[in-house]
Amino acid sequence: MLSHMSSMKKILPGLLCLAMLAGGAVLYAPDAAAQAPAAPDAAAAPAPPKIDTGDTAWVLVSTALVLAMTAPGLALFYGGMGRSKNALSTFLQSFVILALISIQWVLWGYSLAFGPDKGGIIGGLEWFGLNGVGMEPNPDYAATIPHQAFMLFQMMFAVITPALITGAYAERMKFSSFLLFTLLWATFIYDPLAHWVWGVGGWVRNLGALDFAGGTVVHISSGIAGLACALVIKKRLGLGKDTMHPNNLPMTVLGASMLWFGWFGFNAGSALASGALATSTFTATNTATAAAALAWMVAEWIYRGKPSALGAASGAVAGLVAITPASGFVGPISSIWIGIGAGVLCYTAVMLKPLFGYDDALDAVGVHGIGGTWGALATGLFASKAVNSAGADGLFFGNPAQLGIQAIAVLISWGFVFVGTLIILAIVAGITGLRVNEEEERLGLDLSQHDEKAYS
């Protein structure tokens, strides 16, 4: 039995690669169909929407900004927070997810998330391998940019979401298990939830829930998945006894700074056009982030007696998380209140970890789960049609029903993600196991999983 499990562990990475490449022969024709110009037709349908080069340029730049949020942004942020013996493995997880989900998204992820609706639950596989996802705009999603530009932009959201989860189980999951978990979670949790909230025909979207750039889809999902992981994988060895200080705080602050920079693509890019809405979103994003960084710093100063660099950096990320769902629907003053709430609530959640007894190693639950929840609810408080006529008014602008809708969306996201993640963890545990053994954990994942060290 042990030799069988050892063999499985050795061949799993190869099997994953083969599984992702298995459709390669099938993809030639869909790729050609997507890229080739249509044959002339005298009785052609009305001309498709016209591509706007300014909008396209903005979305492509935003796509690159969101990519940089994962690697190097999140990789630096998380990599500096852990212990030195795990710094490289933590960094590598974000880097590898960028590669893994980029392929998954092209093959089937995008089609499941945004493809033709199947009962409000999932997209069909008609767009498998980007079949039919070409250079002409898809007016259902973005009428002034190529369909593939929209696909690429959404790809980077699909990339960063499972990367955020890694902060909860850092320093203790096998690398083979990490790969399998990420692939299954992206396919069976992220893709359906993205369709529910953002896809045409998605049932949560049809409820009227507002999520401009990913409060439920990205942050609640990653934070609550992180909670499930922390509960199942359990605490790191020596937690509460051994010293577990961050190995490189300047790296963490640099990562937070890159996240702040890249988040303008994340939020303002979600306007999908280089106009007034993108500008308003940019303003709200920066304002909330600044307010949250200051609020966390002050809260920590009051509680601990001194402010910290890690606190200021974490507060900024909390503000970025909380403003994400509201960013395209609120004005600058509302964004200040959202940022203050994020700084205080997320700091409180992080401080309460020991009380609840779970080991959220790098605060994915406290920052993304709680920050995303606050942001989604705050959208129901502060949203205003004066900012975005395509949205809705919130409670403070005369529409209390919107807060109820946002609360329903939060509960749906929490329940689906938590239960679904537990099921996926059970599957992975049965195939590869989840956690490194005690000797490997004490040695550190850099050496035990990769035979390398971050620092010589």
Protein backbone atom coordinates (compact mmCIF):
# COMPACT_ATOMS: atom_id res chain seq x y z
CA MET A 1 0.00 0.00 0.00
CA LEU A 2 2.80 2.39 0.94
CA SER A 3 4.72 1.60 -2.24
CA HIS A 4 1.54 2.21 -4.25
CA MET A 5 1.03 5.64 -2.62
CA SER A 6 4.69 6.46 -3.21
CA SER A 7 4.33 5.58 -6.88
CA MET A 8 1.19 7.69 -7.13
CA LYS A 9 3.02 10.64 -5.60
CA LYS A 10 5.82 10.32 -8.15
CA ILE A 11 3.64 10.09 -11.22
CA LEU A 12 0.89 12.59 -10.22
CA PRO A 13 2.63 15.69 -11.62
CA GLY A 14 3.10 13.88 -14.95
CA LEU A 15 -0.52 12.76 -15.01
CA LEU A 16 -1.71 16.31 -14.39
CA CYS A 17 0.39 17.60 -17.27
CA LEU A 18 -0.88 14.84 -19.58
CA ALA A 19 -4.48 15.57 -18.60
CA MET A 20 -4.09 19.25 -19.47
CA LEU A 21 -2.45 18.46 -22.82
CA ALA A 22 -4.84 15.64 -23.75
CA GLY A 23 -7.06 17.94 -25.76
CA GLY A 24 -4.20 19.34 -27.82
CA ALA A 25 -5.02 17.45 -30.98
CA VAL A 26 -8.64 18.53 -30.75
CA LEU A 27 -7.80 22.20 -30.39
CA TYR A 28 -6.26 22.85 -33.81
CA ALA A 29 -9.55 23.15 -35.62
CA PRO A 30 -11.27 25.32 -32.94
CA ASP A 31 -8.25 27.62 -32.85
CA ALA A 32 -8.31 27.98 -36.60
CA ALA A 33 -12.05 28.58 -36.59
CA ALA A 34 -11.75 31.24 -33.90
CA GLN A 35 -8.94 33.11 -35.64
CA ALA A 36 -9.81 32.76 -39.33
CA PRO A 37 -11.91 35.47 -40.99
CA ALA A 38 -15.43 34.46 -41.97
CA ALA A 39 -16.17 33.75 -45.62
CA PRO A 40 -17.91 36.57 -47.52
CA ASP A 41 -21.69 36.32 -47.49
CA ALA A 42 -23.86 38.50 -49.67
CA ALA A 43 -26.72 38.19 -47.19
CA ALA A 44 -24.58 38.81 -44.11
CA ALA A 45 -26.08 39.65 -40.75
CA PRO A 46 -25.83 43.22 -39.44
CA ALA A 47 -22.29 44.41 -38.82
CA PRO A 48 -20.89 43.35 -35.42
CA PRO A 49 -20.11 45.97 -32.77
CA LYS A 50 -17.07 48.03 -33.64
CA ILE A 51 -13.84 47.57 -31.69
CA ASP A 52 -12.67 50.67 -29.86
CA THR A 53 -8.87 50.76 -29.77
CA GLY A 54 -8.76 52.90 -26.63
CA ASP A 55 -10.99 50.50 -24.70
CA THR A 56 -9.00 47.54 -26.00
CA ALA A 57 -5.70 49.09 -24.97
CA TRP A 58 -7.02 49.81 -21.48
CA VAL A 59 -8.32 46.25 -21.00
CA LEU A 60 -5.08 44.70 -22.25
CA VAL A 61 -3.04 46.91 -19.91
CA SER A 62 -5.43 46.06 -17.07
CA THR A 63 -4.98 42.37 -17.86
CA ALA A 64 -1.23 42.75 -17.46
CA LEU A 65 -1.74 44.64 -14.20
CA VAL A 66 -3.92 41.86 -12.78
CA LEU A 67 -1.37 39.26 -13.89
CA ALA A 68 1.29 41.16 -11.95
CA MET A 69 -0.93 41.01 -8.86
CA THR A 70 -0.35 37.24 -8.68
CA ALA A 71 3.28 37.07 -9.73
CA PRO A 72 5.13 38.99 -8.46
CA GLY A 73 2.61 40.85 -6.20
CA LEU A 74 0.96 38.10 -4.17
CA ALA A 75 4.04 35.89 -4.43
CA LEU A 76 6.12 38.59 -2.72
CA PHE A 77 3.41 39.43 -0.19
CA TYR A 78 2.92 35.83 0.93
CA GLY A 79 6.54 34.80 0.38
CA GLY A 80 7.82 37.35 2.87
CA MET A 81 5.20 36.54 5.53
CA GLY A 82 6.13 32.91 6.11
CA ARG A 83 9.23 31.40 7.69
CA SER A 84 12.49 31.31 5.74
CA LYS A 85 12.40 27.52 5.31
CA ASN A 86 9.12 27.84 3.38
CA ALA A 87 9.67 31.15 1.57
CA LEU A 88 10.49 29.66 -1.83
CA SER A 89 7.65 27.11 -1.79
CA THR A 90 5.15 29.81 -0.84
CA PHE A 91 6.41 32.07 -3.63
CA LEU A 92 6.37 29.19 -6.11
CA GLN A 93 2.73 28.35 -5.48
CA SER A 94 1.57 31.71 -6.85
CA PHE A 95 3.92 31.40 -9.82
CA VAL A 96 2.79 27.87 -10.71
CA ILE A 97 -0.90 28.75 -10.39
CA LEU A 98 -0.37 31.43 -13.05
CA ALA A 99 0.80 28.70 -15.43
CA LEU A 100 -1.69 26.01 -14.42
CA ILE A 101 -4.87 28.12 -14.56
CA SER A 102 -3.80 29.86 -17.77
CA ILE A 103 -4.06 26.47 -19.50
CA GLN A 104 -7.18 25.35 -17.65
CA TRP A 105 -8.96 28.60 -18.55
CA VAL A 106 -8.17 28.30 -22.27
CA LEU A 107 -9.22 24.65 -22.43
CA TRP A 108 -12.44 24.59 -20.41
CA GLY A 109 -12.51 27.15 -17.60
CA TYR A 110 -13.64 30.14 -19.64
CA SER A 111 -16.37 28.13 -21.34
CA LEU A 112 -17.73 26.89 -18.01
CA ALA A 113 -17.70 30.38 -16.50
CA PHE A 114 -18.92 32.52 -19.41
CA GLY A 115 -20.09 30.10 -22.08
CA PRO A 116 -23.72 29.72 -23.20
CA ASP A 117 -25.88 29.40 -20.09
CA LYS A 118 -27.21 26.05 -18.92
CA GLY A 119 -30.10 26.67 -16.55
CA GLY A 120 -28.41 29.55 -14.73
CA ILE A 121 -25.94 27.09 -13.16
CA ILE A 122 -23.00 26.70 -15.53
CA GLY A 123 -21.75 27.68 -18.96
CA GLY A 124 -21.72 25.03 -21.66
CA LEU A 125 -18.60 23.62 -23.31
CA GLU A 126 -19.35 25.20 -26.67
CA TRP A 127 -16.33 27.47 -26.17
CA PHE A 128 -13.97 24.61 -25.22
CA GLY A 129 -10.44 25.46 -26.33
CA LEU A 130 -11.68 28.98 -27.20
CA ASN A 131 -13.76 27.61 -30.06
CA GLY A 132 -15.75 30.62 -31.25
CA VAL A 133 -13.89 33.02 -28.95
CA GLY A 134 -12.22 35.17 -31.56
CA MET A 135 -11.41 38.75 -32.38
CA GLU A 136 -14.93 40.10 -32.77
CA PRO A 137 -16.60 41.57 -29.66
CA ASN A 138 -19.19 39.65 -27.72
CA PRO A 139 -21.83 42.30 -26.99
CA ASP A 140 -23.19 40.33 -24.02
CA TYR A 141 -19.95 40.98 -22.11
CA ALA A 142 -17.99 43.79 -23.77
CA ALA A 143 -19.18 45.40 -26.99
CA THR A 144 -16.07 47.45 -27.80
CA ILE A 145 -13.17 45.02 -27.29
CA PRO A 146 -12.26 41.67 -28.89
CA HIS A 147 -13.89 38.68 -27.23
CA GLN A 148 -10.44 37.22 -26.57
CA ALA A 149 -9.42 40.40 -24.74
CA PHE A 150 -12.35 39.91 -22.38
CA MET A 151 -11.38 36.25 -21.98
CA LEU A 152 -7.79 37.18 -21.10
CA PHE A 153 -8.91 39.78 -18.57
CA GLN A 154 -11.16 37.27 -16.84
CA MET A 155 -8.38 34.68 -16.93
CA MET A 156 -6.31 36.76 -14.52
CA PHE A 157 -9.18 36.78 -12.01
CA ALA A 158 -9.36 32.99 -12.28
CA VAL A 159 -5.60 32.86 -11.67
CA ILE A 160 -5.37 35.00 -8.55
CA THR A 161 -8.35 33.48 -6.73
CA PRO A 162 -6.85 30.04 -5.94
CA ALA A 163 -3.50 31.76 -5.32
CA LEU A 164 -5.14 33.72 -2.49
CA ILE A 165 -6.24 30.45 -0.84
CA THR A 166 -2.61 29.32 -0.46
CA GLY A 167 -2.16 31.80 2.39
CA ALA A 168 -4.47 29.72 4.59
CA TYR A 169 -2.66 26.38 4.17
CA ALA A 170 0.86 27.76 3.72
CA GLU A 171 3.79 25.74 5.06
CA ARG A 172 2.06 22.37 5.26
CA MET A 173 0.43 21.09 2.03
CA LYS A 174 2.18 18.67 -0.34
CA PHE A 175 3.07 20.20 -3.69
CA SER A 176 1.35 17.37 -5.60
CA SER A 177 -1.78 17.86 -3.50
CA PHE A 178 -1.62 21.61 -4.07
CA LEU A 179 -1.64 21.06 -7.85
CA LEU A 180 -4.57 18.66 -7.80
CA PHE A 181 -6.56 20.76 -5.33
CA THR A 182 -6.05 23.93 -7.37
CA LEU A 183 -7.15 22.31 -10.62
CA LEU A 184 -10.27 20.75 -9.11
CA TRP A 185 -11.19 23.86 -7.12
CA ALA A 186 -10.89 26.16 -10.13
CA THR A 187 -13.07 23.85 -12.22
CA PHE A 188 -15.79 22.96 -9.72
CA ILE A 189 -15.93 26.02 -7.46
CA TYR A 190 -14.56 29.12 -9.18
CA ASP A 191 -15.97 28.52 -12.66
CA PRO A 192 -19.58 27.82 -11.56
CA LEU A 193 -19.58 30.71 -9.07
CA ALA A 194 -18.24 33.09 -11.72
CA HIS A 195 -21.08 32.00 -14.00
CA TRP A 196 -23.69 32.48 -11.28
CA VAL A 197 -22.58 36.04 -10.53
CA TRP A 198 -21.22 37.35 -13.85
CA GLY A 199 -22.34 35.01 -16.62
CA VAL A 200 -25.29 35.91 -18.82
CA GLY A 201 -28.19 33.92 -17.36
CA GLY A 202 -26.40 33.24 -14.06
CA TRP A 203 -28.97 32.87 -11.30
CA VAL A 204 -27.26 35.12 -8.73
CA ARG A 205 -26.83 37.79 -11.38
CA ASN A 206 -30.52 37.48 -12.16
CA LEU A 207 -31.33 38.10 -8.48
CA GLY A 208 -29.86 41.59 -8.94
CA ALA A 209 -26.70 41.08 -6.88
CA LEU A 210 -23.97 43.67 -7.52
CA ASP A 211 -20.34 42.56 -7.72
CA PHE A 212 -18.33 44.93 -9.85
CA ALA A 213 -14.96 43.19 -9.74
CA GLY A 214 -15.08 40.10 -7.53
CA GLY A 215 -16.15 40.53 -3.91
CA THR A 216 -18.08 37.25 -3.96
CA VAL A 217 -16.42 35.49 -6.89
CA VAL A 218 -12.81 36.19 -5.90
CA HIS A 219 -12.52 37.25 -2.27
CA ILE A 220 -15.32 35.50 -0.41
CA SER A 221 -14.62 32.34 -2.40
CA SER A 222 -10.88 32.36 -1.65
CA GLY A 223 -11.33 33.34 2.00
CA ILE A 224 -14.00 30.74 2.76
CA ALA A 225 -12.09 28.06 0.84
CA GLY A 226 -9.10 29.02 2.97
CA LEU A 227 -11.18 28.52 6.11
CA ALA A 228 -12.15 25.02 4.98
CA CYS A 229 -8.51 24.21 4.22
CA ALA A 230 -7.30 25.52 7.58
CA LEU A 231 -9.89 23.43 9.44
CA VAL A 232 -9.19 20.22 7.53
CA ILE A 233 -5.39 20.42 7.25
CA LYS A 234 -5.12 21.65 10.84
CA LYS A 235 -2.44 23.71 12.54
CA ARG A 236 1.24 23.97 11.73
CA LEU A 237 3.56 22.05 14.00
CA GLY A 238 4.72 24.23 16.88
CA LEU A 239 2.10 26.94 16.43
CA GLY A 240 1.94 28.94 19.66
CA LYS A 241 5.25 27.48 20.86
CA ASP A 242 7.83 28.06 18.13
CA THR A 243 8.78 31.46 16.74
CA MET A 244 6.98 32.05 13.46
CA HIS A 245 7.96 35.58 12.51
CA PRO A 246 7.87 36.71 8.86
CA ASN A 247 11.16 36.03 7.11
CA ASN A 248 11.28 39.21 5.01
CA LEU A 249 8.96 42.11 5.82
CA PRO A 250 10.37 44.45 3.14
CA MET A 251 9.40 41.76 0.60
CA THR A 252 5.88 41.67 2.03
CA VAL A 253 5.49 45.46 1.91
CA LEU A 254 6.80 45.45 -1.66
CA GLY A 255 4.26 42.77 -2.53
CA ALA A 256 1.45 44.80 -0.97
CA SER A 257 2.60 47.84 -2.96
CA MET A 258 2.49 45.82 -6.18
CA LEU A 259 -0.97 44.56 -5.28
CA TRP A 260 -2.11 48.15 -4.74
CA PHE A 261 -0.65 49.10 -8.13
CA GLY A 262 -2.10 46.12 -9.97
CA TRP A 263 -5.51 46.48 -8.35
CA PHE A 264 -6.25 49.48 -10.54
CA GLY A 265 -6.38 47.01 -13.41
CA PHE A 266 -8.45 44.63 -11.31
CA ASN A 267 -11.14 47.20 -10.44
CA ALA A 268 -10.93 50.04 -12.96
CA GLY A 269 -10.28 47.50 -15.72
CA SER A 270 -13.63 45.90 -14.89
CA ALA A 271 -15.31 48.93 -16.46
CA LEU A 272 -14.11 47.33 -19.73
CA ALA A 273 -13.77 50.78 -21.26
CA SER A 274 -11.41 53.71 -20.80
CA GLY A 275 -14.00 56.28 -19.78
CA ALA A 276 -15.72 57.98 -16.88
CA LEU A 277 -16.66 54.77 -15.04
CA ALA A 278 -13.06 53.53 -15.07
CA THR A 279 -11.97 56.88 -13.66
CA SER A 280 -14.56 56.81 -10.89
CA THR A 281 -13.61 53.23 -10.04
CA PHE A 282 -9.91 54.15 -9.94
CA THR A 283 -10.67 56.94 -7.47
CA ALA A 284 -12.79 54.73 -5.20
CA THR A 285 -10.15 51.99 -5.21
CA ASN A 286 -7.28 54.24 -4.19
CA THR A 287 -9.33 56.11 -1.57
CA ALA A 288 -10.65 53.01 0.17
CA THR A 289 -7.20 51.41 0.20
CA ALA A 290 -5.61 54.44 1.82
CA ALA A 291 -8.38 54.64 4.42
CA ALA A 292 -8.06 50.94 5.28
CA ALA A 293 -4.28 51.07 5.65
CA LEU A 294 -4.62 53.97 8.09
CA ALA A 295 -7.54 52.37 9.95
CA TRP A 296 -5.70 49.06 10.46
CA MET A 297 -2.58 50.93 11.57
CA VAL A 298 -4.51 53.00 14.12
CA ALA A 299 -6.43 49.98 15.42
CA GLU A 300 -3.18 48.08 15.89
CA TRP A 301 -1.54 51.10 17.50
CA ILE A 302 -4.36 51.28 20.04
CA TYR A 303 -4.38 47.52 20.70
CA ARG A 304 -0.64 46.73 20.67
CA GLY A 305 0.83 50.11 21.53
CA LYS A 306 2.81 50.34 18.28
CA PRO A 307 1.96 50.35 14.57
CA SER A 308 3.69 47.78 12.35
CA ALA A 309 4.78 47.56 8.73
CA LEU A 310 2.96 44.24 8.37
CA GLY A 311 -0.21 45.86 9.74
CA ALA A 312 -0.09 48.78 7.33
CA ALA A 313 0.50 46.43 4.39
CA SER A 314 -2.28 44.07 5.50
CA GLY A 315 -4.65 47.01 5.98
CA ALA A 316 -4.02 48.21 2.44
CA VAL A 317 -4.82 44.76 1.06
CA ALA A 318 -7.97 44.60 3.21
CA GLY A 319 -9.11 47.91 1.72
CA LEU A 320 -8.44 46.67 -1.81
CA VAL A 321 -10.50 43.56 -1.08
CA ALA A 322 -13.45 45.41 0.44
CA ILE A 323 -13.77 48.05 -2.26
CA THR A 324 -13.64 45.50 -5.07
CA PRO A 325 -17.37 44.65 -5.31
CA ALA A 326 -18.42 48.27 -4.69
CA SER A 327 -15.76 50.09 -6.70
CA GLY A 328 -17.88 50.72 -9.78
CA PHE A 329 -20.97 51.76 -7.80
CA VAL A 330 -19.79 54.17 -5.08
CA GLY A 331 -18.35 57.67 -4.79
CA PRO A 332 -15.18 58.75 -2.98
CA ILE A 333 -16.77 59.55 0.41
CA SER A 334 -18.52 56.20 0.53
CA SER A 335 -15.24 54.52 -0.34
CA ILE A 336 -13.61 56.10 2.72
CA TRP A 337 -16.21 54.49 4.98
CA ILE A 338 -15.79 51.15 3.22
CA GLY A 339 -12.02 51.40 3.73
CA ILE A 340 -12.32 52.28 7.42
CA GLY A 341 -14.68 49.36 7.97
CA ALA A 342 -12.27 47.01 6.17
CA GLY A 343 -9.28 48.07 8.24
CA VAL A 344 -11.02 47.65 11.58
CA LEU A 345 -13.05 44.52 10.79
CA CYS A 346 -10.22 42.61 9.12
CA TYR A 347 -7.76 43.50 11.90
CA THR A 348 -10.30 42.26 14.44
CA ALA A 349 -10.81 39.02 12.50
CA VAL A 350 -7.06 38.37 12.40
CA MET A 351 -6.74 39.02 16.13
CA LEU A 352 -9.57 36.56 16.87
CA LYS A 353 -7.95 33.59 15.09
CA PRO A 354 -6.65 32.00 18.30
CA LEU A 355 -10.11 32.23 19.86
CA PHE A 356 -11.63 30.17 17.04
CA GLY A 357 -8.73 27.73 16.96
CA TYR A 358 -7.87 27.58 13.24
CA ASP A 359 -4.47 28.26 11.67
CA ASP A 360 -4.96 30.74 8.83
CA ALA A 361 -1.21 31.04 8.33
CA LEU A 362 -1.06 34.20 6.19
CA ASP A 363 -4.51 35.66 6.98
CA ALA A 364 -6.37 34.69 3.83
CA VAL A 365 -9.57 34.16 5.85
CA GLY A 366 -9.34 37.34 7.91
CA VAL A 367 -8.46 39.61 4.99
CA HIS A 368 -10.25 38.08 2.01
CA GLY A 369 -13.13 36.20 3.62
CA ILE A 370 -14.10 38.97 6.04
CA GLY A 371 -13.02 41.83 3.78
CA GLY A 372 -14.95 40.39 0.84
CA THR A 373 -18.03 39.87 2.98
CA TRP A 374 -17.92 43.43 4.29
CA GLY A 375 -17.39 44.78 0.78
CA ALA A 376 -20.34 42.86 -0.66
CA LEU A 377 -22.64 44.07 2.12
CA ALA A 378 -21.26 47.61 1.94
CA THR A 379 -22.20 47.64 -1.74
CA GLY A 380 -25.78 47.19 -0.58
CA LEU A 381 -25.34 50.20 1.70
CA PHE A 382 -23.45 52.69 -0.45
CA ALA A 383 -24.21 51.87 -4.11
CA SER A 384 -25.63 54.78 -6.06
CA LYS A 385 -27.10 54.95 -9.56
CA ALA A 386 -25.73 58.47 -9.75
CA VAL A 387 -22.29 56.86 -9.97
CA ASN A 388 -23.28 54.00 -12.26
CA SER A 389 -26.71 54.00 -13.87
CA ALA A 390 -26.30 50.31 -14.75
CA GLY A 391 -26.18 49.41 -11.04
CA ALA A 392 -28.70 50.07 -8.28
CA ASP A 393 -29.14 52.33 -5.28
CA GLY A 394 -28.22 50.94 -1.87
CA LEU A 395 -29.81 51.38 1.54
CA PHE A 396 -28.33 54.83 2.14
CA PHE A 397 -29.67 56.01 -1.21
CA GLY A 398 -33.24 54.88 -0.68
CA ASN A 399 -33.23 51.20 -1.65
CA PRO A 400 -33.01 48.91 1.41
CA ALA A 401 -33.88 45.86 -0.72
CA GLN A 402 -30.42 45.93 -2.28
CA LEU A 403 -28.80 45.18 1.06
CA GLY A 404 -30.98 42.09 1.37
CA ILE A 405 -29.99 40.95 -2.12
CA GLN A 406 -26.31 41.42 -1.27
CA ALA A 407 -26.74 39.42 1.94
CA ILE A 408 -28.33 36.57 -0.01
CA ALA A 409 -25.41 36.58 -2.46
CA VAL A 410 -22.97 36.43 0.46
CA LEU A 411 -24.77 33.47 2.06
CA ILE A 412 -24.91 31.63 -1.26
CA SER A 413 -21.18 32.15 -1.80
CA TRP A 414 -20.24 31.13 1.75
CA GLY A 415 -22.33 27.95 1.66
CA PHE A 416 -21.40 26.76 -1.82
CA VAL A 417 -17.69 27.43 -1.43
CA PHE A 418 -17.32 25.97 2.06
CA VAL A 419 -19.17 22.72 1.34
CA GLY A 420 -17.67 22.34 -2.13
CA THR A 421 -14.14 22.89 -0.83
CA LEU A 422 -14.61 20.27 1.89
CA ILE A 423 -15.65 17.75 -0.78
CA ILE A 424 -12.64 18.57 -2.96
CA LEU A 425 -10.28 18.30 0.02
CA ALA A 426 -11.70 14.84 0.79
CA ILE A 427 -11.11 13.75 -2.82
CA VAL A 428 -7.54 15.03 -2.81
CA ALA A 429 -6.86 13.43 0.57
CA GLY A 430 -8.00 10.08 -0.81
CA ILE A 431 -5.73 10.33 -3.85
CA THR A 432 -2.51 11.94 -2.63
CA GLY A 433 -3.01 12.89 1.00
CA LEU A 434 -3.02 16.56 1.91
CA ARG A 435 -0.21 17.30 4.29
CA VAL A 436 3.52 16.67 4.30
CA ASN A 437 4.74 14.36 7.05
CA GLU A 438 6.14 15.68 10.30
CA GLU A 439 9.78 15.30 9.24
CA GLU A 440 9.17 17.16 5.97
CA GLU A 441 7.31 19.95 7.73
CA ARG A 442 10.06 20.45 10.28
CA LEU A 443 12.67 20.47 7.52
CA GLY A 444 10.63 23.01 5.56
CA LEU A 445 8.80 22.76 2.26
CA ASP A 446 11.60 24.43 0.30
CA LEU A 447 13.88 21.44 0.85
CA SER A 448 11.33 18.65 1.34
CA GLN A 449 9.21 19.50 -1.72
CA HIS A 450 11.69 21.18 -4.06
CA ASP A 451 15.21 20.41 -2.80
CA GLU A 452 15.99 24.13 -2.93
CA LYS A 453 16.34 27.02 -0.50
CA ALA A 454 15.23 30.62 -0.74
CA TYR A 455 18.32 31.86 1.07
CA SER A 456 21.81 30.37 0.80
